[in-house]
């Protein structure tokens, strides 16, 4: 697989996840989050998303719990928006 294609796909996934978190998630636990990086496996079946959360430990844990609960929603939205 072309590394250039993987980089473009990772950037597209990063942008899409950022939009979903910002505009479509309504969970009040999720706040002050930045998607910093996305990595895609060579077979394009998995992506790892890196995030940065501002706030104290309690806020960070609440945000992570909210993201865990929204994981399926985010995966579905990314899959429907990006046709590979």
Protein backbone atom coordinates (compact mmCIF):
# COMPACT_ATOMS: atom_id res chain seq x y z
CA UNK A 1 0.00 0.00 0.00
CA UNK A 2 1.29 3.44 -0.87
CA UNK A 3 2.48 5.34 2.18
CA UNK A 4 1.22 8.54 0.55
CA UNK A 5 -2.27 7.06 0.35
CA UNK A 6 -2.08 5.98 3.99
CA UNK A 7 -1.04 9.50 5.01
CA UNK A 8 -3.90 11.08 3.06
CA UNK A 9 -6.40 8.64 4.54
CA UNK A 10 -5.07 9.21 8.06
CA UNK A 11 -5.43 12.97 7.61
CA UNK A 12 -8.98 12.56 6.27
CA UNK A 13 -9.90 10.36 9.24
CA UNK A 14 -8.38 12.88 11.65
CA UNK A 15 -10.41 15.71 10.12
CA UNK A 16 -13.62 13.68 10.07
CA UNK A 17 -13.29 12.52 13.68
CA UNK A 18 -12.61 16.12 14.72
CA UNK A 19 -15.78 17.30 12.97
CA UNK A 20 -17.87 14.52 14.49
CA UNK A 21 -16.64 15.29 18.00
CA UNK A 22 -17.13 19.02 17.55
CA UNK A 23 -20.49 19.12 15.78
CA UNK A 24 -22.32 15.82 16.25
CA UNK A 25 -21.57 14.51 19.74
CA UNK A 26 -23.95 15.93 22.31
CA UNK A 27 -22.43 14.28 25.39
CA UNK A 28 -21.72 17.00 28.00
CA UNK A 29 -18.79 14.94 29.35
CA UNK A 30 -16.86 15.49 26.12
CA UNK A 31 -15.17 18.87 26.19
CA UNK A 32 -11.84 20.54 25.48
CA UNK A 33 -10.59 17.77 23.22
CA UNK A 34 -8.25 17.95 20.24
CA UNK A 35 -7.58 15.17 17.76
CA UNK A 36 -3.81 15.37 17.31
CA UNK A 37 -2.98 12.45 15.04
CA UNK A 38 -4.38 9.44 13.21
CA UNK A 39 -2.48 6.36 12.07
CA UNK A 40 -3.82 3.80 9.61
CA UNK A 41 -2.67 0.19 9.31
CA UNK A 42 -1.21 -0.86 5.93
CA UNK A 43 -4.32 -2.93 5.15
CA UNK A 44 -6.52 0.16 5.86
CA UNK A 45 -8.74 -1.83 8.22
CA UNK A 46 -7.87 -0.04 11.45
CA UNK A 47 -7.00 3.45 12.53
CA UNK A 48 -5.57 4.66 15.81
CA UNK A 49 -6.66 8.15 16.87
CA UNK A 50 -4.56 10.25 19.23
CA UNK A 51 -6.24 12.95 21.30
CA UNK A 52 -5.31 15.69 23.72
CA UNK A 53 -7.66 16.65 26.54
CA UNK A 54 -7.39 19.88 28.51
CA UNK A 55 -8.43 19.95 32.13
CA UNK A 56 -7.78 18.23 35.41
CA UNK A 57 -7.70 14.45 35.94
CA UNK A 58 -11.43 14.23 36.72
CA UNK A 59 -12.35 16.11 33.53
CA UNK A 60 -10.00 13.96 31.47
CA UNK A 61 -11.47 10.73 32.85
CA UNK A 62 -15.03 11.92 32.21
CA UNK A 63 -14.11 12.89 28.66
CA UNK A 64 -12.49 9.51 28.03
CA UNK A 65 -15.58 7.72 29.36
CA UNK A 66 -17.77 9.82 27.08
CA UNK A 67 -15.58 9.01 24.09
CA UNK A 68 -15.64 5.29 24.94
CA UNK A 69 -19.44 5.42 24.97
CA UNK A 70 -19.48 7.28 21.64
CA UNK A 71 -16.89 5.02 19.97
CA UNK A 72 -19.43 3.03 17.96
CA UNK A 73 -21.20 6.17 16.78
CA UNK A 74 -17.91 7.75 15.69
CA UNK A 75 -16.83 4.59 13.84
CA UNK A 76 -20.15 4.39 12.02
CA UNK A 77 -20.07 8.05 11.00
CA UNK A 78 -16.46 7.86 9.79
CA UNK A 79 -17.23 4.68 7.84
CA UNK A 80 -20.22 6.25 6.13
CA UNK A 81 -18.41 9.50 5.31
CA UNK A 82 -15.19 7.96 3.98
CA UNK A 83 -15.69 5.38 1.27
CA UNK A 84 -12.45 3.43 0.91
